[in-house]
Protein backbone atom coordinates (compact mmCIF):
# COMPACT_ATOMS: atom_id res chain seq x y z
CA MET A 1 67.53 125.86 93.32
CA LYS A 2 69.09 122.50 94.27
CA ARG A 3 66.42 120.60 92.38
CA ASN A 4 67.28 122.61 89.26
CA ILE A 5 70.99 121.93 89.79
CA LEU A 6 70.35 118.19 89.94
CA ILE A 7 68.37 118.40 86.71
CA ILE A 8 71.26 120.29 85.10
CA LEU A 9 73.75 117.69 86.32
CA LEU A 10 71.59 114.88 84.95
CA THR A 11 70.72 116.31 81.56
CA ALA A 12 73.89 118.19 80.66
CA PHE A 13 76.49 115.39 80.79
CA VAL A 14 79.91 116.69 79.76
CA SER A 15 82.44 114.75 77.73
CA ALA A 16 85.40 115.31 79.99
CA GLN A 17 87.80 113.90 77.38
CA SER A 18 87.19 116.82 75.05
CA ILE A 19 88.52 119.35 77.55
CA ASN A 20 90.71 117.27 79.83
CA SER A 21 93.75 116.42 77.71
CA ASN A 22 96.76 116.63 79.95
CA VAL A 23 100.26 115.34 79.31
CA ASN A 24 100.76 115.07 83.08
CA SER A 25 97.78 112.81 83.80
CA TYR A 26 99.20 109.45 82.71
CA LYS A 27 99.33 106.85 85.50
CA THR A 28 102.35 105.19 87.11
CA ASN A 29 102.93 102.49 89.68
CA VAL A 30 106.14 101.10 91.21
CA VAL A 31 106.40 97.76 93.02
CA ILE A 32 109.39 96.17 94.76
CA ARG A 33 110.28 92.51 95.25
CA PRO A 34 113.50 90.64 96.13
CA SER A 35 116.13 89.59 93.61
CA ASN A 36 118.84 87.66 95.47
CA ASP A 37 120.51 90.30 97.66
CA SER A 38 119.21 93.15 95.47
CA LEU A 39 115.84 94.70 94.65
CA GLU A 40 113.76 94.16 91.53
CA ILE A 41 111.87 97.32 90.67
CA VAL A 42 108.88 96.78 88.36
CA THR A 43 107.33 99.90 86.82
CA TYR A 44 103.87 100.18 85.29
CA VAL A 45 102.86 103.11 83.10
CA GLU A 46 99.43 103.71 81.54
CA ILE A 47 99.35 106.38 78.82
CA TYR A 48 95.87 107.35 77.63
CA ASN A 49 95.08 108.85 74.26
CA LYS A 50 93.73 111.92 76.04
CA ASN A 51 97.27 112.61 77.33
CA LEU A 52 98.55 113.24 73.79
CA GLN A 53 97.89 115.52 70.80
CA PHE A 54 96.71 113.70 67.67
CA LEU A 55 97.12 115.01 64.12
CA LYS A 56 95.13 113.96 61.06
CA LYS A 57 97.29 111.99 58.61
CA ASP A 58 95.51 110.65 55.54
CA ILE A 59 92.57 108.65 56.93
CA LEU A 60 94.05 108.17 60.41
CA PHE A 61 94.82 110.27 63.48
CA GLU A 62 98.35 109.83 64.82
CA SER A 63 100.36 110.84 67.86
CA SER A 64 104.03 110.18 68.60
CA PHE A 65 105.76 110.29 71.96
CA ASP A 66 108.98 109.56 73.81
CA PHE A 67 108.96 108.05 77.28
CA ASN A 68 111.84 107.83 79.73
CA ILE A 69 112.23 105.99 83.04
CA SER A 70 115.29 106.63 85.19
CA ILE A 71 116.15 105.38 88.66
CA ILE A 72 118.23 107.75 90.77
CA SER A 73 119.92 106.90 94.06
CA LYS A 74 119.63 109.07 97.15
CA ASN A 75 123.06 110.58 96.45
CA GLY A 76 122.02 111.53 92.90
CA SER A 77 123.74 108.82 90.88
CA LYS A 78 121.86 107.11 88.06
CA LEU A 79 121.19 103.44 88.85
CA ALA A 80 119.26 102.53 85.69
CA GLU A 81 117.50 104.10 82.71
CA LYS A 82 115.33 103.05 79.78
CA SER A 83 113.68 105.02 76.99
CA PHE A 84 110.81 104.20 74.65
CA SER A 85 109.34 105.77 71.53
CA ASP A 86 106.05 104.92 69.89
CA THR A 87 103.30 106.17 67.60
CA ILE A 88 99.61 105.61 68.25
CA ALA A 89 97.23 105.58 65.28
CA VAL A 90 93.44 105.57 65.56
CA GLU A 91 90.66 105.66 62.99
CA ASN A 92 88.37 108.40 64.28
CA PHE A 93 88.50 111.56 66.37
CA SER A 94 86.53 110.14 69.30
CA GLN A 95 89.35 107.65 69.89
CA THR A 96 91.92 110.46 70.18
CA VAL A 97 90.38 111.55 73.48
CA SER A 98 89.69 108.05 74.78
CA ILE A 99 90.24 107.11 78.42
CA SER A 100 90.08 103.36 77.74
CA ASN A 101 92.68 100.87 76.48
CA PRO A 102 95.79 102.79 77.55
CA LYS A 103 99.22 102.22 76.08
CA LEU A 104 101.05 100.09 78.67
CA ILE A 105 104.78 100.38 79.33
CA ILE A 106 106.00 97.75 81.77
CA ASP A 107 109.61 97.12 82.65
CA SER A 108 111.85 95.92 85.48
CA PHE A 109 115.20 96.95 86.90
CA VAL A 110 117.54 95.29 89.41
CA ILE A 111 119.25 97.74 91.75
CA PRO A 112 121.02 97.69 95.14
CA ASN A 113 118.92 97.68 98.32
CA GLU A 114 119.00 101.42 99.03
CA GLU A 115 116.77 104.51 98.91
CA PHE A 116 115.98 105.75 95.41
CA SER A 117 113.52 107.63 93.24
CA VAL A 118 111.91 106.67 89.94
CA ASN A 119 111.57 109.53 87.46
CA PHE A 120 109.06 109.29 84.61
CA SER A 121 108.96 111.65 81.63
CA LEU A 122 106.40 111.67 78.78
CA LYS A 123 107.14 113.95 75.82
CA ASP A 124 104.49 114.62 73.19
CA LEU A 125 106.49 114.94 69.97
CA ASP A 126 103.83 117.11 68.29
CA THR A 127 103.25 119.71 71.02
CA LYS A 128 106.74 119.29 72.59
CA LEU A 129 105.01 119.33 75.99
CA VAL A 130 106.58 117.18 78.69
CA GLY A 131 104.80 115.56 81.63
CA LYS A 132 107.04 114.52 84.53
CA LYS A 133 106.30 112.35 87.56
CA GLN A 134 108.44 111.03 90.38
CA THR A 135 108.04 108.21 92.89
CA LYS A 136 110.36 108.43 95.90
CA ILE A 137 111.21 105.27 97.81
CA SER A 138 112.44 106.17 101.28
CA LYS A 139 113.78 103.93 104.02
CA LYS A 140 110.29 103.22 105.37
CA ASP A 141 109.23 101.89 101.94
CA LEU A 142 112.11 99.39 101.74
CA PRO A 143 111.99 95.84 103.14
CA SER A 144 112.97 95.87 106.77
CA GLY A 145 113.15 93.69 109.88
CA LYS A 146 115.76 92.41 112.33
CA TYR A 147 115.33 88.66 111.73
CA SER A 148 113.71 88.74 108.28
CA LYS A 149 112.92 91.47 105.77
CA ILE A 150 109.25 92.12 105.04
CA PHE A 151 108.40 93.72 101.71
CA LYS A 152 105.46 96.01 101.05
CA PRO A 153 102.47 93.89 99.88
CA ILE A 154 101.66 94.06 96.17
CA PHE A 155 97.89 94.15 95.67
CA VAL A 156 96.60 92.88 92.33
CA LYS A 157 93.42 92.91 90.29
CA ASP A 158 92.24 90.63 87.49
CA LYS A 159 93.30 91.90 84.08
CA PRO A 160 93.82 89.58 81.07
CA GLY A 161 97.49 89.36 80.09
CA GLU A 162 100.98 88.77 81.42
CA TRP A 163 102.13 91.45 83.86
CA LYS A 164 105.32 89.93 85.39
CA PHE A 165 103.30 88.04 88.00
CA ASP A 166 100.92 85.12 87.57
CA SER A 167 98.75 85.34 84.45
CA ASN A 168 96.01 87.96 84.60
CA LYS A 169 97.30 89.50 87.86
CA TYR A 170 97.89 93.24 87.44
CA PRO A 171 99.36 95.29 90.34
CA THR A 172 97.45 98.22 91.78
CA LYS A 173 98.48 100.97 94.16
CA ILE A 174 98.01 100.25 97.86
CA ASN A 175 95.42 103.05 98.12
CA GLU A 176 93.46 101.79 95.09
CA VAL A 177 92.90 98.13 95.95
CA VAL A 178 90.20 96.54 93.79
CA ALA A 179 87.75 94.05 95.23
CA LYS A 180 86.22 91.36 93.06
CA GLU A 181 83.34 89.22 94.27
CA ASN A 182 84.08 90.45 97.82
CA PHE A 183 87.72 89.33 97.74
CA ILE A 184 91.01 91.19 97.51
CA GLU A 185 94.38 89.64 96.60
CA PHE A 186 98.01 90.53 97.22
CA TYR A 187 101.49 89.08 96.80
CA GLN A 188 103.70 89.02 99.86
CA TYR A 189 107.49 88.67 99.77
CA VAL A 190 109.72 88.06 102.80
CA SER A 191 113.51 87.58 102.66
CA MET A 192 114.71 84.90 105.09
CA ASN A 193 118.11 83.44 105.94
CA GLU A 194 116.71 79.97 106.59
CA GLY A 195 113.45 78.02 106.72
CA GLY A 196 111.13 77.07 109.55
CA HIS A 197 109.36 80.43 109.82
CA LEU A 198 105.71 81.07 110.58
CA VAL A 199 104.22 83.94 108.55
CA ASP A 200 101.00 85.32 110.00
CA PHE A 201 98.66 87.75 108.23
CA SER A 202 96.01 89.87 109.95
CA ILE A 203 93.53 92.42 108.62
CA ILE A 204 92.81 95.23 111.08
CA SER A 205 89.60 97.22 110.65
CA ASP A 206 88.86 100.15 112.96
CA LYS A 207 91.59 98.83 115.33
CA LYS A 208 89.96 95.38 115.50
CA ASN A 209 91.41 92.13 114.16
CA VAL A 210 88.84 90.89 111.62
CA TRP A 211 90.77 88.23 109.63
CA ASN A 212 93.81 85.96 110.08
CA LYS A 213 95.73 83.41 108.07
CA SER A 214 99.10 81.73 108.63
CA PHE A 215 101.65 80.02 106.40
CA THR A 216 104.73 77.95 107.29
CA GLN A 217 107.96 78.36 105.35
CA LYS A 218 109.95 75.13 105.78
CA ASN A 219 112.72 75.52 103.20
CA LYS A 220 115.54 78.04 102.94
CA ASP A 221 114.07 80.00 100.03
CA ASP A 222 112.59 83.47 100.39
CA PHE A 223 108.87 83.45 101.19
CA VAL A 224 106.44 84.44 98.43
CA GLN A 225 102.71 83.86 98.61
CA ILE A 226 99.58 85.20 96.94
CA VAL A 227 96.98 85.78 99.65
CA ARG A 228 93.23 86.04 99.07
CA VAL A 229 91.18 87.90 101.68
CA PRO A 230 87.34 87.92 101.97
CA ILE A 231 85.99 91.40 102.76
CA LYS A 232 82.23 90.93 102.45
CA ASP A 233 81.49 91.59 106.13
CA ILE A 234 84.49 93.86 106.83
CA ASP A 235 84.23 97.61 107.35
CA THR A 236 86.57 98.93 104.65
CA SER A 237 86.79 102.52 105.88
CA ASP A 238 89.96 102.06 107.99
CA LEU A 239 92.10 99.05 107.02
CA ARG A 240 95.60 97.83 107.84
CA LEU A 241 97.43 94.67 106.85
CA LYS A 242 99.72 93.33 109.59
CA ILE A 243 102.43 90.80 108.71
CA GLN A 244 104.31 88.95 111.43
CA VAL A 245 107.21 86.54 110.84
CA SER A 246 108.38 84.39 113.77
CA LYS A 247 110.98 81.68 114.45
CA ASN A 248 112.16 80.37 117.82
CA GLY A 249 110.67 83.36 119.63
CA ASN A 250 112.26 85.91 117.29
CA ILE A 251 109.52 88.07 115.79
CA THR A 252 109.54 90.62 112.97
CA SER A 253 106.32 92.48 112.19
CA LYS A 254 105.18 95.30 109.99
CA SER A 255 101.80 96.82 109.14
CA PHE A 256 100.56 98.66 106.05
CA PRO A 257 97.45 100.86 105.67
CA PHE A 258 95.49 100.25 102.48
CA GLU A 259 92.25 101.42 100.85
CA VAL A 260 89.69 99.39 98.94
CA LYS A 261 87.90 100.85 95.94
CA ASN A 262 84.41 99.43 96.30
CA ASP A 263 82.35 98.61 93.23
CA PHE A 264 80.11 101.63 93.86
CA MET A 265 83.13 103.96 93.82
CA MET A 266 85.11 102.71 90.82
CA LEU A 267 86.25 106.20 89.92
CA SER A 268 89.90 107.26 89.91
CA SER A 269 88.94 110.62 91.43
CA VAL A 270 87.25 109.07 94.49
CA LYS A 271 90.02 108.27 96.98
CA ASN A 272 88.02 107.80 100.19
CA VAL A 273 84.48 108.15 101.44
CA SER A 274 85.15 111.07 103.79
CA MET A 275 86.60 113.24 101.03
CA ALA A 276 83.90 112.17 98.56
CA LEU A 277 81.23 113.25 101.04
CA GLU A 278 82.98 116.55 101.65
CA GLN A 279 82.97 117.13 97.89
CA MET A 280 79.20 116.58 97.87
CA ASN A 281 78.77 119.78 99.88
CA TYR A 282 77.19 121.61 96.93
CA ILE A 283 74.25 119.21 96.66
CA LEU A 284 73.71 117.83 100.17
CA THR A 285 70.57 119.04 101.89
CA THR A 286 70.63 120.80 105.25
CA GLU A 287 69.28 117.66 106.91
CA GLU A 288 71.94 115.50 105.26
CA ARG A 289 74.73 117.83 106.37
CA LYS A 290 73.44 117.70 109.93
CA GLU A 291 73.31 113.89 109.85
CA LEU A 292 76.82 113.70 108.37
CA ARG A 293 78.32 115.84 111.14
CA GLY A 294 77.21 113.27 113.71
CA LEU A 295 78.68 110.21 111.97
CA LYS A 296 81.79 108.23 112.87
CA ASN A 297 84.23 107.32 110.08
CA SER A 298 82.97 103.72 110.15
CA GLN A 299 79.41 104.95 109.42
CA LYS A 300 80.22 107.21 106.47
CA GLU A 301 80.34 104.50 103.82
CA LYS A 302 76.74 103.48 104.52
CA PHE A 303 75.68 107.14 104.48
CA PHE A 304 77.51 107.67 101.16
CA LYS A 305 75.62 104.80 99.56
CA LYS A 306 72.32 106.08 100.92
CA VAL A 307 72.61 109.69 99.74
CA TRP A 308 73.68 108.68 96.25
CA ALA A 309 71.02 105.97 96.00
CA LYS A 310 68.44 108.72 96.60
CA ARG A 311 69.89 110.61 93.63
CA ASP A 312 70.24 107.67 91.23
CA PRO A 313 68.35 108.71 88.06
CA ASP A 314 67.87 105.11 86.92
CA ALA A 315 67.95 102.39 89.58
CA THR A 316 67.63 99.68 86.91
CA THR A 317 71.20 100.28 85.68
CA LYS A 318 74.37 99.13 87.47
CA GLU A 319 75.96 102.59 87.40
CA ASN A 320 74.69 105.69 89.12
CA GLU A 321 75.03 108.05 86.15
CA LEU A 322 74.60 111.17 88.24
CA MET A 323 77.33 110.16 90.69
CA ILE A 324 79.75 109.34 87.87
CA GLU A 325 79.13 112.69 86.19
CA TYR A 326 79.45 114.57 89.48
CA TYR A 327 82.85 113.12 90.37
CA LYS A 328 84.12 113.52 86.82
CA ARG A 329 83.48 117.23 87.27
CA VAL A 330 85.16 117.20 90.69
CA ALA A 331 88.22 115.55 89.13
CA PHE A 332 88.31 118.14 86.33
CA ALA A 333 88.04 120.96 88.87
CA GLU A 334 90.93 119.48 90.87
CA GLN A 335 93.14 119.31 87.79
CA ASN A 336 92.31 122.72 86.36
CA PHE A 337 91.29 125.10 89.14
CA SER A 338 93.54 124.20 92.09
CA ARG A 339 95.45 127.07 93.69
CA GLY A 340 97.84 126.41 96.56
CA THR A 341 96.50 123.72 98.90
CA SER A 342 92.82 124.64 98.88
CA GLY A 343 91.77 122.17 96.17
CA GLY A 344 90.20 123.03 92.83
CA TRP A 345 86.76 121.74 93.75
CA ARG A 346 86.56 124.37 96.52
CA SER A 347 87.34 127.28 94.18
CA ASP A 348 84.63 129.48 92.68
CA MET A 349 85.33 128.18 89.19
CA GLY A 350 85.34 124.62 90.52
CA MET A 351 81.98 125.12 92.22
CA ILE A 352 80.31 126.49 89.09
CA TYR A 353 81.86 123.80 86.88
CA ILE A 354 80.69 121.02 89.24
CA LEU A 355 77.15 122.38 89.42
CA PHE A 356 76.64 123.39 85.78
CA GLY A 357 79.31 121.58 83.76
CA LYS A 358 81.27 122.95 80.84
CA PRO A 359 80.09 126.45 79.84
CA ASP A 360 78.60 126.91 76.38
CA ASP A 361 80.94 129.83 75.78
CA VAL A 362 83.76 131.66 77.57
CA SER A 363 84.99 135.22 77.05
CA ARG A 364 88.37 136.27 78.43
CA SER A 365 89.81 139.74 78.73
CA MET A 366 92.30 141.87 80.65
CA ASN A 367 91.58 145.30 82.07
CA SER A 368 94.66 147.25 80.95
CA GLN A 369 94.00 150.15 83.32
CA GLN A 370 93.56 148.15 86.53
CA SER A 371 95.62 145.14 85.39
CA TYR A 372 93.20 142.42 86.32
CA ASN A 373 91.95 139.51 84.23
CA TYR A 374 88.41 138.34 84.01
CA GLN A 375 86.43 135.51 82.46
CA THR A 376 82.73 135.23 81.78
CA TRP A 377 81.14 131.81 81.50
CA TYR A 378 77.89 131.60 79.53
CA TYR A 379 75.25 128.90 79.92
CA TYR A 380 72.70 129.59 77.21
CA GLN A 381 70.32 126.71 77.97
CA ILE A 382 69.60 128.02 81.47
CA SER A 383 70.12 131.73 80.69
CA GLU A 384 72.94 132.12 83.20
CA GLU A 385 76.34 133.80 83.06
CA PHE A 386 79.08 133.99 85.69
CA LEU A 387 81.80 136.66 85.89
CA PHE A 388 85.14 135.66 87.46
CA ILE A 389 87.78 138.25 88.37
CA ASP A 390 91.51 137.58 88.92
CA ASP A 391 92.31 140.67 91.00
CA TYR A 392 96.00 139.99 91.56
CA GLY A 393 97.10 138.24 88.37
CA PHE A 394 97.89 134.87 89.98
CA GLY A 395 95.10 132.91 88.30
CA ASP A 396 92.89 132.94 91.41
CA TYR A 397 89.55 133.77 89.77
CA ARG A 398 86.71 134.73 92.14
CA LEU A 399 83.05 135.23 91.37
CA ARG A 400 82.21 138.92 91.20
CA THR A 401 78.71 138.19 92.50
CA PRO A 402 78.42 135.40 95.11
CA PHE A 403 76.38 132.40 94.00
CA LEU A 404 74.01 130.86 96.50
CA TYR A 405 73.59 127.16 95.88
């Protein structure tokens, strides 16, 4: 049965854009750096065409939206706010569901050094649907230290353009660090009262110090430095960046966990190797599961590469098409079938969607006498159908007949 499933995964690629439009799935990032005695908050928003509803107007497809960013203090007062409106026009329908070339909204705000939250709101002016996100900055996220204040590192990737840092340096989230040619880069800010400080950087991997570099700050200005770190021979499964600032025996230090997105896992849905392997449960063999149970965290990355290399349908291409399709389906299941804290990929609907893709047809109905909903998914090419029952009316659909994969 597993061999057939792999054939289905390989030959029945699903265009996730056509069924994955979601006004809530735009991306945001918030970075903090010093501005005299205050904080500069820089916000990055990526709105994809798939997040919006497009309407045909003459020979074009158009979508209009409003976007709002507000910064709220811990006590509820509004520290700053900005709003944007725009219309996106594309020439053909395929572009309306695109996940490339997002609309970028980048802005900065100067606020007092205190706890705050950044609220984002995207309103589709055609559907009137609103997607809201919030980033909370607590005390632990703010610059801190007794003798100097260490800011959270700002990791960057190469992206042509001007992004409020050096040219072509685009900030990424600390759990989505991008490596290029076996190097990662980050900006580090430290607020100091005077010069003569030694700033020491260390990369910790699996509790071992694997890289160091030091800089001396001689003048009275705040410290800012872009740091480039080689990671070719570093185990990237458990990483921390430690920053230590010292002067005359007075030491301030802080460490930050971060995650590197390796080139073989350049998928937004793949957050770490351990979870990605857990999500492979439907297609791992009995022998592979047994081997996985005996691995340490530091060994899982190598195992991940090995099991997917075995399943690569075309080793002559850079991408593993089967892996990309598989994790696209996992991401769709997470967005559409999650209930409570169990995760959408673990649900019955998530399992069937991951293994067989988008159904060819779906019938939905409600049993008026027993008050339960049901859905039937039809897969005509493989002569299969799956009946899901929502017994209690909470959207928790279960397979009526268990499926043995």
